[in-house]
Amino acid sequence: MTKLVILGRKSQTGNYETFFSKLPARTVTTLVPGEVTSCDALILPGGGDITPAFFGEKNKGSRTVDTELDILQFQALDTAIAARIPVIGICKGMQVINVAFGGTILQDMSGDSLHSIPSGDAFHTSIMTEDSRLFKYFPVEMHVNSAHHQRIDRLGQHLKIIQRCPDDGCPEALEHDELPILGLQWHPERLPEQAGEPLLSLLSSYF
């Protein structure tokens, strides 16, 4: 049976488990990077911020860092890359992908209310490039939801931005130029009325 690994703390991944359980796959949430060697796809979920030392900076506004989890997620991603296992990173997971390929993070989008609001997700427009894996499954212009105070700064090697917020240029999605690796800054698992489910079709195409 197809196996999907969510590399995260089970107390923080309930929404992801519910969302990805719609796939014809066994979903396993774990903190053991070795689980990736026997999986068909890896999910790097959202969460706190990445420890800034991993992209060569001191803390300039990063919050709720979890260095142990960072290490485990980087190890799991390295395993997936070596085995060419599909990877989807969501919110922090997209930023983990960027840092793993040598990119950096803007640690605090000071005063920005477009991508995060106190009461929950912020919704805003995004524009997608037509030469992306997502284009087959989502419209060029779509409303996405976000809850983040950081964004990609310098882009990692072999990655390309495939979706941006037109209001401020914030990267909303990226993909690897060769490997089956996709990052989303928004949260498909929290979009209303099954609006995020085309992502499940994309992931199914990898199996």
Protein backbone atom coordinates (compact mmCIF):
# COMPACT_ATOMS: atom_id res chain seq x y z
CA MET A 1 0.00 0.00 0.00
CA THR A 2 1.16 3.54 -0.75
CA LYS A 3 2.79 5.17 2.28
CA LEU A 4 2.86 8.89 3.03
CA VAL A 5 5.16 10.20 5.77
CA ILE A 6 4.47 13.45 7.64
CA LEU A 7 7.68 14.42 9.42
CA GLY A 8 6.46 16.36 12.44
CA ARG A 9 5.23 16.26 16.01
CA LYS A 10 1.90 14.43 16.14
CA SER A 11 0.46 17.00 18.54
CA GLN A 12 0.84 19.63 15.79
CA THR A 13 -0.14 17.74 12.64
CA GLY A 14 -3.81 16.86 13.05
CA ASN A 15 -4.99 19.05 10.15
CA TYR A 16 -2.41 17.50 7.83
CA GLU A 17 -3.34 13.95 8.81
CA THR A 18 -7.02 14.67 8.13
CA PHE A 19 -6.31 16.29 4.78
CA PHE A 20 -3.88 13.70 3.42
CA SER A 21 -5.95 10.77 4.72
CA LYS A 22 -8.22 11.44 1.72
CA LEU A 23 -5.53 9.88 -0.45
CA PRO A 24 -5.51 6.12 -1.14
CA ALA A 25 -2.47 5.86 1.09
CA ARG A 26 -1.41 4.97 4.61
CA THR A 27 -0.42 8.18 6.39
CA VAL A 28 2.31 7.94 9.03
CA THR A 29 3.26 10.87 11.28
CA THR A 30 6.72 10.38 12.71
CA LEU A 31 9.89 12.00 14.03
CA VAL A 32 12.05 9.21 12.60
CA PRO A 33 13.75 10.31 9.35
CA GLY A 34 14.48 6.68 8.51
CA GLU A 35 10.77 6.13 7.85
CA VAL A 36 11.25 8.07 4.62
CA THR A 37 13.30 5.25 3.06
CA SER A 38 10.14 3.14 2.77
CA CYS A 39 7.62 5.86 1.83
CA ASP A 40 6.15 7.04 -1.46
CA ALA A 41 6.02 10.74 -0.54
CA LEU A 42 7.22 13.03 2.24
CA ILE A 43 5.20 15.90 3.73
CA LEU A 44 7.02 18.67 5.60
CA PRO A 45 4.25 20.45 7.54
CA GLY A 46 3.92 23.97 8.85
CA GLY A 47 4.93 24.97 12.35
CA GLY A 48 7.28 27.42 14.03
CA ASP A 49 10.29 29.11 12.49
CA ILE A 50 13.56 27.54 11.37
CA THR A 51 16.56 28.06 13.65
CA PRO A 52 18.35 30.95 11.89
CA ALA A 53 21.79 29.37 12.31
CA PHE A 54 20.80 26.84 9.63
CA PHE A 55 20.88 29.64 7.05
CA GLY A 56 23.87 31.44 8.58
CA GLU A 57 22.13 34.19 10.53
CA LYS A 58 21.51 35.25 14.12
CA ASN A 59 17.94 35.50 15.39
CA LYS A 60 16.39 38.66 13.96
CA GLY A 61 12.75 38.01 14.83
CA SER A 62 12.32 34.25 14.47
CA ARG A 63 9.79 32.73 16.88
CA THR A 64 8.99 29.33 18.40
CA VAL A 65 12.06 27.67 16.94
CA ASP A 66 12.43 23.92 17.42
CA THR A 67 16.01 23.01 16.53
CA GLU A 68 15.53 19.31 17.14
CA LEU A 69 12.60 19.18 14.72
CA ASP A 70 14.55 21.25 12.18
CA ILE A 71 17.37 18.70 12.20
CA LEU A 72 14.98 15.78 11.77
CA GLN A 73 13.17 17.50 8.89
CA PHE A 74 16.42 18.33 7.12
CA GLN A 75 17.55 14.72 7.52
CA ALA A 76 14.25 13.41 6.15
CA LEU A 77 14.45 15.80 3.20
CA ASP A 78 18.03 14.72 2.45
CA THR A 79 16.86 11.11 2.39
CA ALA A 80 13.99 11.94 0.04
CA ILE A 81 16.29 13.89 -2.28
CA ALA A 82 18.79 11.04 -2.49
CA ALA A 83 16.01 8.55 -3.33
CA ARG A 84 14.07 10.98 -5.57
CA ILE A 85 11.01 10.57 -3.35
CA PRO A 86 8.32 13.25 -3.92
CA VAL A 87 8.23 16.01 -1.31
CA ILE A 88 5.58 18.60 -0.50
CA GLY A 89 6.49 21.32 2.00
CA ILE A 90 3.75 23.51 3.47
CA CYS A 91 4.44 26.90 5.10
CA LYS A 92 7.52 26.18 7.24
CA GLY A 93 8.02 23.08 5.11
CA MET A 94 8.49 25.25 2.01
CA GLN A 95 11.06 27.30 3.91
CA VAL A 96 12.87 24.12 5.00
CA ILE A 97 13.16 23.15 1.33
CA ASN A 98 14.57 26.56 0.45
CA VAL A 99 17.16 26.49 3.24
CA ALA A 100 18.16 22.90 2.39
CA PHE A 101 19.10 24.06 -1.10
CA GLY A 102 21.15 26.98 0.21
CA GLY A 103 18.51 29.70 0.42
CA THR A 104 17.73 32.11 3.23
CA ILE A 105 14.66 33.41 5.08
CA LEU A 106 13.51 36.96 5.76
CA GLN A 107 12.95 36.47 9.47
CA ASP A 108 10.26 39.07 10.15
CA MET A 109 7.91 40.85 7.76
CA SER A 110 7.43 43.70 10.23
CA GLY A 111 3.99 45.25 10.32
CA ASP A 112 2.66 43.04 7.52
CA SER A 113 -1.02 42.15 7.85
CA LEU A 114 -1.50 40.72 4.37
CA HIS A 115 -0.18 37.26 5.22
CA SER A 116 -1.12 36.89 8.88
CA ILE A 117 -3.96 38.13 11.08
CA PRO A 118 -4.58 37.51 14.81
CA SER A 119 -7.95 35.80 14.26
CA GLY A 120 -6.66 33.11 11.87
CA ASP A 121 -5.71 32.75 8.22
CA ALA A 122 -5.31 35.78 6.00
CA PHE A 123 -6.71 35.36 2.47
CA HIS A 124 -5.18 37.11 -0.51
CA THR A 125 -4.67 36.75 -4.24
CA SER A 126 -1.80 34.82 -5.78
CA ILE A 127 -0.60 34.53 -9.36
CA MET A 128 0.89 31.32 -10.74
CA THR A 129 3.27 30.81 -13.63
CA GLU A 130 1.95 28.60 -16.39
CA ASP A 131 5.10 26.47 -16.62
CA SER A 132 4.60 24.85 -13.22
CA ARG A 133 3.38 21.50 -11.93
CA LEU A 134 0.59 23.30 -10.07
CA PHE A 135 -0.82 24.93 -13.21
CA LYS A 136 -2.60 21.75 -14.29
CA TYR A 137 -4.48 21.59 -11.00
CA PHE A 138 -5.08 25.20 -9.92
CA PRO A 139 -6.03 28.42 -11.75
CA VAL A 140 -3.44 31.05 -12.61
CA GLU A 141 -5.10 33.49 -10.22
CA MET A 142 -6.44 32.10 -6.99
CA HIS A 143 -7.13 33.10 -3.41
CA VAL A 144 -4.85 31.43 -0.91
CA ASN A 145 -4.70 31.44 2.87
CA SER A 146 -1.64 32.14 4.94
CA ALA A 147 -0.50 32.62 8.51
CA HIS A 148 3.19 33.49 8.42
CA HIS A 149 5.45 36.36 9.41
CA GLN A 150 8.47 35.11 7.44
CA ARG A 151 9.13 34.64 3.75
CA ILE A 152 11.79 33.33 1.40
CA ASP A 153 14.60 35.80 0.90
CA ARG A 154 17.43 34.38 -1.25
CA LEU A 155 16.18 31.47 -3.32
CA GLY A 156 17.96 28.13 -3.00
CA GLN A 157 19.81 26.49 -5.88
CA HIS A 158 17.79 24.63 -8.51
CA LEU A 159 14.55 26.08 -7.15
CA LYS A 160 12.15 28.41 -8.93
CA ILE A 161 9.28 30.52 -7.68
CA ILE A 162 6.07 29.46 -9.41
CA GLN A 163 3.51 31.57 -7.53
CA ARG A 164 3.61 35.02 -5.94
CA CYS A 165 1.35 37.46 -4.16
CA PRO A 166 0.92 40.31 -6.68
CA ASP A 167 0.52 42.92 -3.93
CA ASP A 168 3.99 42.55 -2.40
CA GLY A 169 5.80 39.89 -4.46
CA CYS A 170 5.90 37.40 -1.59
CA PRO A 171 6.72 33.90 -2.89
CA GLU A 172 3.71 31.63 -2.45
CA ALA A 173 5.00 28.42 -4.08
CA LEU A 174 8.22 26.96 -5.42
CA GLU A 175 9.40 23.81 -7.13
CA HIS A 176 12.69 22.10 -7.95
CA ASP A 177 13.77 22.34 -11.56
CA GLU A 178 14.22 18.56 -11.81
CA LEU A 179 13.18 16.67 -8.67
CA PRO A 180 9.52 16.13 -7.62
CA ILE A 181 9.75 18.75 -4.87
CA LEU A 182 7.01 21.33 -4.30
CA GLY A 183 6.69 24.02 -1.63
CA LEU A 184 3.56 25.98 -0.72
CA GLN A 185 3.58 28.98 1.58
CA TRP A 186 -0.21 28.67 1.94
CA HIS A 187 -2.25 25.98 3.69
CA PRO A 188 -4.23 23.62 1.41
CA GLU A 189 -5.25 21.59 4.46
CA ARG A 190 -7.19 24.61 5.78
CA LEU A 191 -8.75 25.92 2.59
CA PRO A 192 -12.58 25.85 2.73
CA GLU A 193 -14.90 23.71 0.62
CA GLN A 194 -12.27 21.30 -0.69
CA ALA A 195 -10.45 24.14 -2.47
CA GLY A 196 -7.12 22.54 -1.59
CA GLU A 197 -7.95 19.08 -2.86
CA PRO A 198 -6.45 19.48 -6.36
CA LEU A 199 -3.14 19.14 -4.52
CA LEU A 200 -4.16 15.59 -3.65
CA SER A 201 -4.57 14.86 -7.36
CA LEU A 202 -1.08 16.21 -8.01
CA LEU A 203 0.38 14.06 -5.26
CA SER A 204 -1.50 11.00 -6.50
CA SER A 205 0.11 11.50 -9.92
CA TYR A 206 3.49 10.80 -8.31
CA PHE A 207 2.46 7.35 -7.06
